Amino acid sequence: MIISVLTRRLKEGKDYSDFRAAWLPDKGFGVPTRVVSAVSLEDPREVVTIGFTDLDPADAEAFLARIGPQEKLRHERLEEVLEPGGTNAVYIQVADDDLTNEPPAE
């Protein structure tokens, strides 16, 4: 599982609905992908997306090449609603713990 964490800041006068309209892809990625989006409690112009893509890291380069053209269009749309910069990070999942009741055993 590859996890991507992106933090962005909306331009003045833009809100989450503007972001979502620009952010939604024109078509799916072709691999199981789930994204959680959140807006900061302290600053509604700060948006975080956390993506979970069921992809072997060895296949990442081919995946990115395949979706590159549609992602280019999506990023162009996002430029209209986002300030420059932000944080982009990609991770490999190493654990998945359900902390509803008891902590996991060591």
N, C-alpha and C. Protein backbone atom coordinates (compact mmCIF):
# COMPACT_ATOMS: atom_id res chain seq x y z
N MET A 1 0.85 -1.17 0.00
CA MET A 1 0.00 0.00 0.00
C MET A 1 0.89 1.23 0.00
N ILE A 2 0.62 2.12 -0.92
CA ILE A 2 1.31 3.40 -0.96
C ILE A 2 0.38 4.46 -0.40
N ILE A 3 0.91 5.29 0.48
CA ILE A 3 0.12 6.34 1.11
C ILE A 3 0.72 7.68 0.71
N SER A 4 -0.13 8.55 0.18
CA SER A 4 0.33 9.89 -0.18
C SER A 4 -0.38 10.91 0.71
N VAL A 5 0.40 11.88 1.19
CA VAL A 5 -0.13 12.93 2.06
C VAL A 5 0.21 14.26 1.41
N LEU A 6 -0.83 15.02 1.09
CA LEU A 6 -0.64 16.32 0.44
C LEU A 6 -1.35 17.39 1.25
N THR A 7 -0.65 18.43 1.59
CA THR A 7 -1.21 19.56 2.32
C THR A 7 -1.16 20.78 1.40
N ARG A 8 -2.28 21.46 1.27
CA ARG A 8 -2.39 22.58 0.35
C ARG A 8 -3.13 23.73 1.02
N ARG A 9 -2.96 24.93 0.45
CA ARG A 9 -3.66 26.11 0.96
C ARG A 9 -4.47 26.71 -0.19
N LEU A 10 -5.75 26.93 0.10
CA LEU A 10 -6.64 27.52 -0.89
C LEU A 10 -6.34 29.01 -1.06
N LYS A 11 -6.53 29.49 -2.28
CA LYS A 11 -6.39 30.92 -2.53
C LYS A 11 -7.50 31.66 -1.79
N GLU A 12 -7.23 32.92 -1.49
CA GLU A 12 -8.22 33.78 -0.85
C GLU A 12 -9.51 33.77 -1.68
N GLY A 13 -10.65 33.61 -1.02
CA GLY A 13 -11.93 33.60 -1.70
C GLY A 13 -12.36 32.23 -2.22
N LYS A 14 -11.50 31.23 -2.11
CA LYS A 14 -11.85 29.87 -2.53
C LYS A 14 -12.20 29.04 -1.31
N ASP A 15 -13.03 28.01 -1.51
CA ASP A 15 -13.38 27.13 -0.40
C ASP A 15 -13.26 25.67 -0.85
N TYR A 16 -13.59 24.75 0.06
CA TYR A 16 -13.41 23.34 -0.24
C TYR A 16 -14.20 22.90 -1.48
N SER A 17 -15.38 23.45 -1.69
CA SER A 17 -16.16 23.04 -2.87
C SER A 17 -15.43 23.42 -4.16
N ASP A 18 -14.73 24.55 -4.18
CA ASP A 18 -13.92 24.93 -5.34
C ASP A 18 -12.78 23.93 -5.53
N PHE A 19 -12.14 23.59 -4.41
CA PHE A 19 -11.04 22.62 -4.46
C PHE A 19 -11.54 21.28 -5.00
N ARG A 20 -12.63 20.79 -4.45
CA ARG A 20 -13.15 19.47 -4.85
C ARG A 20 -13.51 19.43 -6.33
N ALA A 21 -14.13 20.50 -6.83
CA ALA A 21 -14.49 20.54 -8.25
C ALA A 21 -13.25 20.44 -9.14
N ALA A 22 -12.17 21.08 -8.73
CA ALA A 22 -10.93 21.03 -9.52
C ALA A 22 -10.17 19.73 -9.28
N TRP A 23 -10.26 19.19 -8.08
CA TRP A 23 -9.46 18.04 -7.67
C TRP A 23 -9.96 16.70 -8.21
N LEU A 24 -11.27 16.52 -8.31
CA LEU A 24 -11.79 15.22 -8.74
C LEU A 24 -11.24 14.84 -10.11
N PRO A 25 -10.71 13.62 -10.24
CA PRO A 25 -10.17 13.21 -11.54
C PRO A 25 -11.28 12.96 -12.56
N ASP A 26 -10.92 13.07 -13.83
CA ASP A 26 -11.88 12.83 -14.91
C ASP A 26 -12.23 11.36 -15.05
N LYS A 27 -11.31 10.48 -14.64
CA LYS A 27 -11.57 9.04 -14.65
C LYS A 27 -10.75 8.40 -13.54
N GLY A 28 -11.12 7.18 -13.19
CA GLY A 28 -10.44 6.46 -12.11
C GLY A 28 -9.01 6.10 -12.47
N PHE A 29 -8.26 5.70 -11.47
CA PHE A 29 -6.85 5.39 -11.65
C PHE A 29 -6.59 3.96 -12.12
N GLY A 30 -7.61 3.11 -12.09
CA GLY A 30 -7.43 1.74 -12.56
C GLY A 30 -6.83 0.79 -11.54
N VAL A 31 -6.54 1.27 -10.35
CA VAL A 31 -6.09 0.43 -9.24
C VAL A 31 -6.87 0.90 -8.01
N PRO A 32 -7.08 0.01 -7.03
CA PRO A 32 -7.83 0.42 -5.85
C PRO A 32 -7.18 1.63 -5.18
N THR A 33 -7.93 2.72 -5.11
CA THR A 33 -7.43 3.97 -4.53
C THR A 33 -8.54 4.61 -3.71
N ARG A 34 -8.21 4.97 -2.49
CA ARG A 34 -9.15 5.65 -1.60
C ARG A 34 -8.47 6.92 -1.11
N VAL A 35 -9.19 8.02 -1.09
CA VAL A 35 -8.62 9.29 -0.64
C VAL A 35 -9.53 9.90 0.43
N VAL A 36 -8.92 10.29 1.53
CA VAL A 36 -9.62 11.00 2.59
C VAL A 36 -9.18 12.46 2.50
N SER A 37 -10.16 13.36 2.48
CA SER A 37 -9.86 14.79 2.43
C SER A 37 -10.31 15.43 3.74
N ALA A 38 -9.55 16.44 4.18
CA ALA A 38 -9.88 17.11 5.43
C ALA A 38 -9.54 18.59 5.32
N VAL A 39 -10.31 19.39 6.04
CA VAL A 39 -10.07 20.83 6.14
C VAL A 39 -9.68 21.12 7.58
N SER A 40 -8.67 21.94 7.76
CA SER A 40 -8.18 22.28 9.10
C SER A 40 -9.27 22.92 9.95
N LEU A 41 -9.34 22.52 11.21
CA LEU A 41 -10.27 23.15 12.15
C LEU A 41 -9.87 24.60 12.43
N GLU A 42 -8.57 24.88 12.35
CA GLU A 42 -8.06 26.21 12.67
C GLU A 42 -8.04 27.15 11.47
N ASP A 43 -7.93 26.58 10.26
CA ASP A 43 -7.81 27.40 9.06
C ASP A 43 -8.54 26.70 7.91
N PRO A 44 -9.76 27.11 7.58
CA PRO A 44 -10.53 26.42 6.54
C PRO A 44 -9.92 26.51 5.14
N ARG A 45 -8.86 27.29 4.99
CA ARG A 45 -8.17 27.35 3.69
C ARG A 45 -7.09 26.28 3.58
N GLU A 46 -6.82 25.56 4.66
CA GLU A 46 -5.83 24.48 4.62
C GLU A 46 -6.54 23.16 4.39
N VAL A 47 -6.14 22.46 3.32
CA VAL A 47 -6.76 21.20 2.93
C VAL A 47 -5.69 20.11 2.91
N VAL A 48 -6.03 18.96 3.47
CA VAL A 48 -5.13 17.80 3.45
C VAL A 48 -5.84 16.66 2.73
N THR A 49 -5.12 15.99 1.85
CA THR A 49 -5.64 14.76 1.25
C THR A 49 -4.67 13.64 1.59
N ILE A 50 -5.24 12.50 1.98
CA ILE A 50 -4.45 11.32 2.30
C ILE A 50 -4.95 10.21 1.40
N GLY A 51 -4.10 9.76 0.50
CA GLY A 51 -4.48 8.74 -0.48
C GLY A 51 -3.89 7.39 -0.14
N PHE A 52 -4.68 6.36 -0.33
CA PHE A 52 -4.27 4.98 -0.10
C PHE A 52 -4.40 4.25 -1.43
N THR A 53 -3.28 3.88 -2.02
CA THR A 53 -3.29 3.21 -3.32
C THR A 53 -2.70 1.82 -3.18
N ASP A 54 -3.49 0.82 -3.54
CA ASP A 54 -3.05 -0.57 -3.44
C ASP A 54 -2.16 -0.87 -4.65
N LEU A 55 -0.89 -0.55 -4.49
CA LEU A 55 0.06 -0.63 -5.59
C LEU A 55 1.41 -1.05 -5.04
N ASP A 56 2.04 -1.99 -5.69
CA ASP A 56 3.39 -2.40 -5.33
C ASP A 56 4.34 -1.26 -5.70
N PRO A 57 5.24 -0.87 -4.82
CA PRO A 57 6.16 0.22 -5.14
C PRO A 57 6.93 -0.01 -6.45
N ALA A 58 7.17 -1.26 -6.81
CA ALA A 58 7.88 -1.57 -8.05
C ALA A 58 7.06 -1.17 -9.28
N ASP A 59 5.75 -1.05 -9.12
CA ASP A 59 4.87 -0.68 -10.23
C ASP A 59 4.55 0.82 -10.27
N ALA A 60 5.09 1.57 -9.32
CA ALA A 60 4.73 2.98 -9.20
C ALA A 60 5.14 3.80 -10.43
N GLU A 61 6.32 3.58 -10.95
CA GLU A 61 6.78 4.38 -12.10
C GLU A 61 5.87 4.19 -13.31
N ALA A 62 5.51 2.95 -13.61
CA ALA A 62 4.61 2.68 -14.74
C ALA A 62 3.22 3.27 -14.48
N PHE A 63 2.75 3.17 -13.25
CA PHE A 63 1.46 3.74 -12.88
C PHE A 63 1.44 5.25 -13.10
N LEU A 64 2.47 5.93 -12.62
CA LEU A 64 2.54 7.38 -12.78
C LEU A 64 2.64 7.78 -14.24
N ALA A 65 3.36 7.01 -15.04
CA ALA A 65 3.46 7.31 -16.48
C ALA A 65 2.09 7.15 -17.15
N ARG A 66 1.33 6.13 -16.73
CA ARG A 66 0.03 5.87 -17.34
C ARG A 66 -0.99 6.96 -17.00
N ILE A 67 -1.00 7.42 -15.76
CA ILE A 67 -2.01 8.42 -15.37
C ILE A 67 -1.50 9.86 -15.56
N GLY A 68 -0.26 10.01 -15.98
CA GLY A 68 0.35 11.33 -16.12
C GLY A 68 -0.46 12.35 -16.91
N PRO A 69 -0.95 12.00 -18.10
CA PRO A 69 -1.70 12.99 -18.88
C PRO A 69 -2.96 13.49 -18.18
N GLN A 70 -3.73 12.60 -17.56
CA GLN A 70 -4.94 13.06 -16.86
C GLN A 70 -4.57 13.84 -15.61
N GLU A 71 -3.47 13.49 -14.95
CA GLU A 71 -3.05 14.22 -13.77
C GLU A 71 -2.56 15.62 -14.12
N LYS A 72 -1.95 15.77 -15.27
CA LYS A 72 -1.50 17.09 -15.73
C LYS A 72 -2.69 18.04 -15.85
N LEU A 73 -3.77 17.56 -16.44
CA LEU A 73 -4.99 18.38 -16.58
C LEU A 73 -5.58 18.73 -15.21
N ARG A 74 -5.60 17.77 -14.33
CA ARG A 74 -6.14 17.99 -13.00
C ARG A 74 -5.30 19.02 -12.23
N HIS A 75 -4.00 18.93 -12.35
CA HIS A 75 -3.12 19.88 -11.66
C HIS A 75 -3.27 21.28 -12.23
N GLU A 76 -3.53 21.38 -13.52
CA GLU A 76 -3.78 22.70 -14.12
C GLU A 76 -5.05 23.32 -13.54
N ARG A 77 -6.09 22.50 -13.34
CA ARG A 77 -7.32 23.01 -12.73
C ARG A 77 -7.07 23.46 -11.29
N LEU A 78 -6.25 22.70 -10.58
CA LEU A 78 -5.97 23.01 -9.18
C LEU A 78 -5.20 24.32 -9.02
N GLU A 79 -4.41 24.68 -10.01
CA GLU A 79 -3.66 25.93 -9.94
C GLU A 79 -4.59 27.14 -9.79
N GLU A 80 -5.82 27.00 -10.26
CA GLU A 80 -6.78 28.09 -10.17
C GLU A 80 -7.31 28.31 -8.75
N VAL A 81 -7.22 27.28 -7.90
CA VAL A 81 -7.80 27.38 -6.56
C VAL A 81 -6.77 27.29 -5.44
N LEU A 82 -5.54 26.87 -5.75
CA LEU A 82 -4.53 26.67 -4.71
C LEU A 82 -3.42 27.70 -4.80
N GLU A 83 -2.91 28.07 -3.63
CA GLU A 83 -1.71 28.88 -3.59
C GLU A 83 -0.52 28.00 -3.98
N PRO A 84 0.54 28.59 -4.49
CA PRO A 84 1.73 27.79 -4.81
C PRO A 84 2.30 27.14 -3.55
N GLY A 85 2.98 26.05 -3.76
CA GLY A 85 3.63 25.36 -2.64
C GLY A 85 2.77 24.24 -2.11
N GLY A 86 2.95 23.96 -0.85
CA GLY A 86 2.27 22.83 -0.23
C GLY A 86 3.27 21.74 0.07
N THR A 87 2.79 20.70 0.69
CA THR A 87 3.65 19.58 1.04
C THR A 87 3.12 18.32 0.37
N ASN A 88 4.01 17.62 -0.31
CA ASN A 88 3.67 16.34 -0.94
C ASN A 88 4.63 15.29 -0.40
N ALA A 89 4.09 14.21 0.15
CA ALA A 89 4.92 13.14 0.68
C ALA A 89 4.29 11.80 0.32
N VAL A 90 5.14 10.80 0.05
CA VAL A 90 4.67 9.46 -0.31
C VAL A 90 5.35 8.46 0.62
N TYR A 91 4.55 7.53 1.12
CA TYR A 91 5.03 6.56 2.10
C TYR A 91 4.60 5.14 1.71
N ILE A 92 5.28 4.15 2.28
CA ILE A 92 4.86 2.75 2.16
C ILE A 92 4.27 2.35 3.51
N GLN A 93 3.07 1.80 3.49
CA GLN A 93 2.39 1.40 4.72
C GLN A 93 3.15 0.28 5.39
N VAL A 94 3.34 0.41 6.71
CA VAL A 94 4.02 -0.63 7.48
C VAL A 94 3.15 -1.20 8.60
N ALA A 95 2.00 -0.56 8.89
CA ALA A 95 1.09 -1.07 9.93
C ALA A 95 -0.30 -0.50 9.69
N ASP A 96 -1.30 -1.20 10.23
CA ASP A 96 -2.68 -0.76 10.17
C ASP A 96 -3.35 -1.24 11.45
N ASP A 97 -3.49 -0.35 12.42
CA ASP A 97 -3.98 -0.73 13.73
C ASP A 97 -5.36 -0.15 14.00
N ASP A 98 -6.26 -0.97 14.52
CA ASP A 98 -7.58 -0.53 14.95
C ASP A 98 -7.50 -0.27 16.45
N LEU A 99 -7.59 0.99 16.85
CA LEU A 99 -7.45 1.36 18.27
C LEU A 99 -8.79 1.64 18.93
N THR A 100 -9.86 1.06 18.36
CA THR A 100 -11.19 1.28 18.91
C THR A 100 -11.28 0.80 20.36
N ASN A 101 -10.78 -0.37 20.63
CA ASN A 101 -10.93 -0.96 21.97
C ASN A 101 -9.58 -1.12 22.69
N GLU A 102 -8.87 -2.14 22.35
CA GLU A 102 -7.61 -2.44 23.03
C GLU A 102 -6.44 -2.13 22.12
N PRO A 103 -5.32 -1.64 22.71
CA PRO A 103 -4.15 -1.41 21.87
C PRO A 103 -3.61 -2.75 21.35
N PRO A 104 -2.92 -2.72 20.21
CA PRO A 104 -2.39 -3.95 19.65
C PRO A 104 -1.34 -4.57 20.56
N ALA A 105 -1.23 -5.88 20.51
CA ALA A 105 -0.19 -6.58 21.29
C ALA A 105 1.16 -6.31 20.67
N GLU A 106 2.16 -6.21 21.52
CA GLU A 106 3.54 -5.98 21.03
C GLU A 106 4.09 -7.21 20.38
